[in-house]
Amino acid sequence: MEPALIMLSALALVGTVLWLLDRRGRERDAEGHRVATAVVEPDATCSDDCCSTHQVCPSEELLRGELCDIVYYDDQELDQYQGRGADDYNAAELEQWRDVLYTLQPSDRLGWERSIKRRGIVMPGVIRDELLMLLHDNA
């Protein structure tokens, strides 16, 4: 019984140290939200005629779901939709999504979609279609 307690204590100590090191290494903004510290560079090239000015088609990146850190685009109110399906939104909630989408800078739209996905929020299908249209229009 005594060796088991020693092992359990050592495991708890190592876990606590690792947790503290991980927590210390993350950068946070003034509100305590995690902020991006690095940019993921895409390594693929555009495989269709969707664009000629981008290294990677925005829709291709969107569908691949590149990993990125969570960045808030003044859209914390959308966190209330975690766990909802793409078809579980009413008209007022869709307008809230549109308000955020259409006030974003065009260069922020793809990062915003990634951040939404990383936060565990499923974007309404209609809004996702509008986002793809905007990404293609700005290509």
C-alpha atoms as a PDB file:
ATOM      1  CA  MET A   1       0.000   0.000   0.000  1.00  0.00           C
ATOM      2  CA  GLU A   2       2.847   2.375   0.822  1.00  0.00           C
ATOM      3  CA  PRO A   3       4.538   2.122  -2.641  1.00  0.00           C
ATOM      4  CA  ALA A   4       1.201   2.908  -4.295  1.00  0.00           C
ATOM      5  CA  LEU A   5       0.815   6.084  -2.212  1.00  0.00           C
ATOM      6  CA  ILE A   6       4.357   7.161  -3.091  1.00  0.00           C
ATOM      7  CA  MET A   7       3.681   6.622  -6.798  1.00  0.00           C
ATOM      8  CA  LEU A   8       0.357   8.464  -6.588  1.00  0.00           C
ATOM      9  CA  SER A   9       2.001  11.401  -4.806  1.00  0.00           C
ATOM     10  CA  ALA A  10       4.786  11.559  -7.400  1.00  0.00           C
ATOM     11  CA  LEU A  11       2.266  11.439 -10.231  1.00  0.00           C
ATOM     12  CA  ALA A  12       0.215  14.237  -8.661  1.00  0.00           C
ATOM     13  CA  LEU A  13       3.350  16.350  -8.220  1.00  0.00           C
ATOM     14  CA  VAL A  14       4.475  15.849 -11.827  1.00  0.00           C
ATOM     15  CA  GLY A  15       0.957  16.621 -13.103  1.00  0.00           C
ATOM     16  CA  THR A  16       0.799  19.833 -11.089  1.00  0.00           C
ATOM     17  CA  VAL A  17       4.204  20.993 -12.351  1.00  0.00           C
ATOM     18  CA  LEU A  18       3.244  20.285 -15.977  1.00  0.00           C
ATOM     19  CA  TRP A  19      -0.079  22.094 -15.563  1.00  0.00           C
ATOM     20  CA  LEU A  20       1.666  25.160 -14.110  1.00  0.00           C
ATOM     21  CA  LEU A  21       4.236  25.221 -16.931  1.00  0.00           C
ATOM     22  CA  ASP A  22       1.520  24.933 -19.583  1.00  0.00           C
ATOM     23  CA  ARG A  23      -0.577  27.646 -17.987  1.00  0.00           C
ATOM     24  CA  ARG A  24       2.406  29.977 -17.688  1.00  0.00           C
ATOM     25  CA  GLY A  25       3.329  29.491 -21.354  1.00  0.00           C
ATOM     26  CA  ARG A  26      -0.012  30.652 -22.725  1.00  0.00           C
ATOM     27  CA  GLU A  27      -0.545  34.292 -23.538  1.00  0.00           C
ATOM     28  CA  ARG A  28      -3.882  35.822 -22.620  1.00  0.00           C
ATOM     29  CA  ASP A  29      -5.544  39.130 -23.349  1.00  0.00           C
ATOM     30  CA  ALA A  30      -6.964  41.518 -20.757  1.00  0.00           C
ATOM     31  CA  GLU A  31     -10.182  39.499 -20.465  1.00  0.00           C
ATOM     32  CA  GLY A  32      -8.380  36.204 -19.957  1.00  0.00           C
ATOM     33  CA  HIS A  33      -8.965  34.817 -23.455  1.00  0.00           C
ATOM     34  CA  ARG A  34      -6.158  32.943 -25.149  1.00  0.00           C
ATOM     35  CA  VAL A  35      -4.552  34.877 -27.995  1.00  0.00           C
ATOM     36  CA  ALA A  36      -2.686  33.676 -31.047  1.00  0.00           C
ATOM     37  CA  THR A  37       1.075  33.521 -30.710  1.00  0.00           C
ATOM     38  CA  ALA A  38       1.910  31.985 -34.082  1.00  0.00           C
ATOM     39  CA  VAL A  39       0.488  31.852 -37.561  1.00  0.00           C
ATOM     40  CA  VAL A  40       0.025  28.537 -39.339  1.00  0.00           C
ATOM     41  CA  GLU A  41       1.442  28.863 -42.836  1.00  0.00           C
ATOM     42  CA  PRO A  42      -0.464  26.868 -45.452  1.00  0.00           C
ATOM     43  CA  ASP A  43       1.658  24.571 -47.565  1.00  0.00           C
ATOM     44  CA  ALA A  44      -0.763  23.663 -50.341  1.00  0.00           C
ATOM     45  CA  THR A  45      -1.394  25.542 -53.551  1.00  0.00           C
ATOM     46  CA  CYS A  46      -4.639  26.431 -55.189  1.00  0.00           C
ATOM     47  CA  SER A  47      -5.961  23.395 -57.025  1.00  0.00           C
ATOM     48  CA  ASP A  48      -8.824  24.992 -58.947  1.00  0.00           C
ATOM     49  CA  ASP A  49      -9.798  28.250 -60.611  1.00  0.00           C
ATOM     50  CA  CYS A  50     -11.251  29.864 -57.490  1.00  0.00           C
ATOM     51  CA  CYS A  51      -8.441  32.364 -57.206  1.00  0.00           C
ATOM     52  CA  SER A  52      -5.241  33.570 -58.701  1.00  0.00           C
ATOM     53  CA  THR A  53      -4.039  35.979 -56.044  1.00  0.00           C
ATOM     54  CA  HIS A  54      -3.857  33.607 -53.068  1.00  0.00           C
ATOM     55  CA  GLN A  55      -1.327  30.910 -52.361  1.00  0.00           C
ATOM     56  CA  VAL A  56      -4.205  28.762 -51.067  1.00  0.00           C
ATOM     57  CA  CYS A  57      -7.881  29.052 -51.945  1.00  0.00           C
ATOM     58  CA  PRO A  58      -9.787  30.430 -48.961  1.00  0.00           C
ATOM     59  CA  SER A  59     -12.540  27.844 -49.423  1.00  0.00           C
ATOM     60  CA  GLU A  60      -9.946  25.064 -49.513  1.00  0.00           C
ATOM     61  CA  GLU A  61      -8.420  26.283 -46.251  1.00  0.00           C
ATOM     62  CA  LEU A  62     -11.872  26.582 -44.762  1.00  0.00           C
ATOM     63  CA  LEU A  63     -12.803  23.032 -45.695  1.00  0.00           C
ATOM     64  CA  ARG A  64      -9.462  21.635 -44.506  1.00  0.00           C
ATOM     65  CA  GLY A  65     -10.029  23.241 -41.112  1.00  0.00           C
ATOM     66  CA  GLU A  66      -6.446  24.332 -40.471  1.00  0.00           C
ATOM     67  CA  LEU A  67      -5.610  24.443 -36.782  1.00  0.00           C
ATOM     68  CA  CYS A  68      -5.165  27.846 -35.229  1.00  0.00           C
ATOM     69  CA  ASP A  69      -5.346  29.489 -31.851  1.00  0.00           C
ATOM     70  CA  ILE A  70      -8.555  31.032 -30.609  1.00  0.00           C
ATOM     71  CA  VAL A  71      -8.737  34.728 -31.402  1.00  0.00           C
ATOM     72  CA  TYR A  72     -11.758  36.813 -30.434  1.00  0.00           C
ATOM     73  CA  TYR A  73     -12.982  39.293 -33.043  1.00  0.00           C
ATOM     74  CA  ASP A  74     -15.211  41.232 -30.652  1.00  0.00           C
ATOM     75  CA  ASP A  75     -17.649  38.327 -30.916  1.00  0.00           C
ATOM     76  CA  GLN A  76     -17.763  36.887 -27.409  1.00  0.00           C
ATOM     77  CA  GLU A  77     -21.571  36.864 -27.574  1.00  0.00           C
ATOM     78  CA  LEU A  78     -21.387  33.950 -30.030  1.00  0.00           C
ATOM     79  CA  ASP A  79     -19.960  31.689 -27.301  1.00  0.00           C
ATOM     80  CA  GLN A  80     -23.519  31.172 -26.081  1.00  0.00           C
ATOM     81  CA  TYR A  81     -24.138  28.992 -29.170  1.00  0.00           C
ATOM     82  CA  GLN A  82     -21.683  26.251 -28.229  1.00  0.00           C
ATOM     83  CA  GLY A  83     -23.215  22.834 -28.674  1.00  0.00           C
ATOM     84  CA  ARG A  84     -25.901  23.884 -31.157  1.00  0.00           C
ATOM     85  CA  GLY A  85     -26.403  22.422 -34.601  1.00  0.00           C
ATOM     86  CA  ALA A  86     -26.117  24.338 -37.852  1.00  0.00           C
ATOM     87  CA  ASP A  87     -29.912  24.343 -38.293  1.00  0.00           C
ATOM     88  CA  ASP A  88     -30.828  25.258 -34.695  1.00  0.00           C
ATOM     89  CA  TYR A  89     -30.920  29.052 -35.057  1.00  0.00           C
ATOM     90  CA  ASN A  90     -33.877  31.415 -35.268  1.00  0.00           C
ATOM     91  CA  ALA A  91     -34.047  34.599 -37.354  1.00  0.00           C
ATOM     92  CA  ALA A  92     -32.839  36.912 -34.569  1.00  0.00           C
ATOM     93  CA  GLU A  93     -29.826  34.696 -33.881  1.00  0.00           C
ATOM     94  CA  LEU A  94     -28.967  34.582 -37.592  1.00  0.00           C
ATOM     95  CA  GLU A  95     -28.990  38.387 -37.620  1.00  0.00           C
ATOM     96  CA  GLN A  96     -26.575  38.381 -34.698  1.00  0.00           C
ATOM     97  CA  TRP A  97     -24.239  36.165 -36.727  1.00  0.00           C
ATOM     98  CA  ARG A  98     -24.619  38.446 -39.772  1.00  0.00           C
ATOM     99  CA  ASP A  99     -23.820  41.527 -37.695  1.00  0.00           C
ATOM    100  CA  VAL A 100     -20.501  39.968 -36.742  1.00  0.00           C
ATOM    101  CA  LEU A 101     -19.735  38.602 -40.222  1.00  0.00           C
ATOM    102  CA  TYR A 102     -20.404  41.821 -42.117  1.00  0.00           C
ATOM    103  CA  THR A 103     -18.513  44.037 -39.652  1.00  0.00           C
ATOM    104  CA  LEU A 104     -15.327  41.966 -39.966  1.00  0.00           C
ATOM    105  CA  GLN A 105     -12.448  43.194 -42.074  1.00  0.00           C
ATOM    106  CA  PRO A 106     -12.226  41.021 -45.214  1.00  0.00           C
ATOM    107  CA  SER A 107      -8.769  39.850 -44.152  1.00  0.00           C
ATOM    108  CA  ASP A 108     -10.154  38.627 -40.793  1.00  0.00           C
ATOM    109  CA  ARG A 109     -12.999  36.472 -42.105  1.00  0.00           C
ATOM    110  CA  LEU A 110     -11.076  33.234 -42.569  1.00  0.00           C
ATOM    111  CA  GLY A 111      -9.374  33.528 -39.179  1.00  0.00           C
ATOM    112  CA  TRP A 112     -12.739  34.266 -37.599  1.00  0.00           C
ATOM    113  CA  GLU A 113     -14.239  31.086 -39.032  1.00  0.00           C
ATOM    114  CA  ARG A 114     -11.318  29.072 -37.719  1.00  0.00           C
ATOM    115  CA  SER A 115     -11.632  30.660 -34.301  1.00  0.00           C
ATOM    116  CA  ILE A 116     -15.375  29.899 -34.197  1.00  0.00           C
ATOM    117  CA  LYS A 117     -14.630  26.266 -35.005  1.00  0.00           C
ATOM    118  CA  ARG A 118     -11.902  26.041 -32.346  1.00  0.00           C
ATOM    119  CA  ARG A 119     -14.297  27.463 -29.761  1.00  0.00           C
ATOM    120  CA  GLY A 120     -16.678  24.550 -30.377  1.00  0.00           C
ATOM    121  CA  ILE A 121     -19.354  26.627 -32.086  1.00  0.00           C
ATOM    122  CA  VAL A 122     -21.117  25.330 -35.179  1.00  0.00           C
ATOM    123  CA  MET A 123     -21.784  28.132 -37.626  1.00  0.00           C
ATOM    124  CA  PRO A 124     -25.302  28.261 -39.113  1.00  0.00           C
ATOM    125  CA  GLY A 125     -25.364  26.808 -42.629  1.00  0.00           C
ATOM    126  CA  VAL A 126     -26.752  30.014 -44.134  1.00  0.00           C
ATOM    127  CA  ILE A 127     -23.997  32.104 -42.547  1.00  0.00           C
ATOM    128  CA  ARG A 128     -21.340  29.638 -43.672  1.00  0.00           C
ATOM    129  CA  ASP A 129     -22.634  29.934 -47.252  1.00  0.00           C
ATOM    130  CA  GLU A 130     -22.508  33.735 -47.009  1.00  0.00           C
ATOM    131  CA  LEU A 131     -18.972  33.544 -45.618  1.00  0.00           C
ATOM    132  CA  LEU A 132     -17.828  31.349 -48.513  1.00  0.00           C
ATOM    133  CA  MET A 133     -19.425  33.763 -50.972  1.00  0.00           C
ATOM    134  CA  LEU A 134     -17.619  36.709 -49.355  1.00  0.00           C
ATOM    135  CA  LEU A 135     -14.310  34.849 -49.375  1.00  0.00           C
ATOM    136  CA  HIS A 136     -14.665  34.082 -53.085  1.00  0.00           C
ATOM    137  CA  ASP A 137     -15.719  37.654 -53.889  1.00  0.00           C
ATOM    138  CA  ASN A 138     -12.596  39.031 -52.189  1.00  0.00           C
ATOM    139  CA  ALA A 139     -10.257  36.523 -53.834  1.00  0.00           C
END
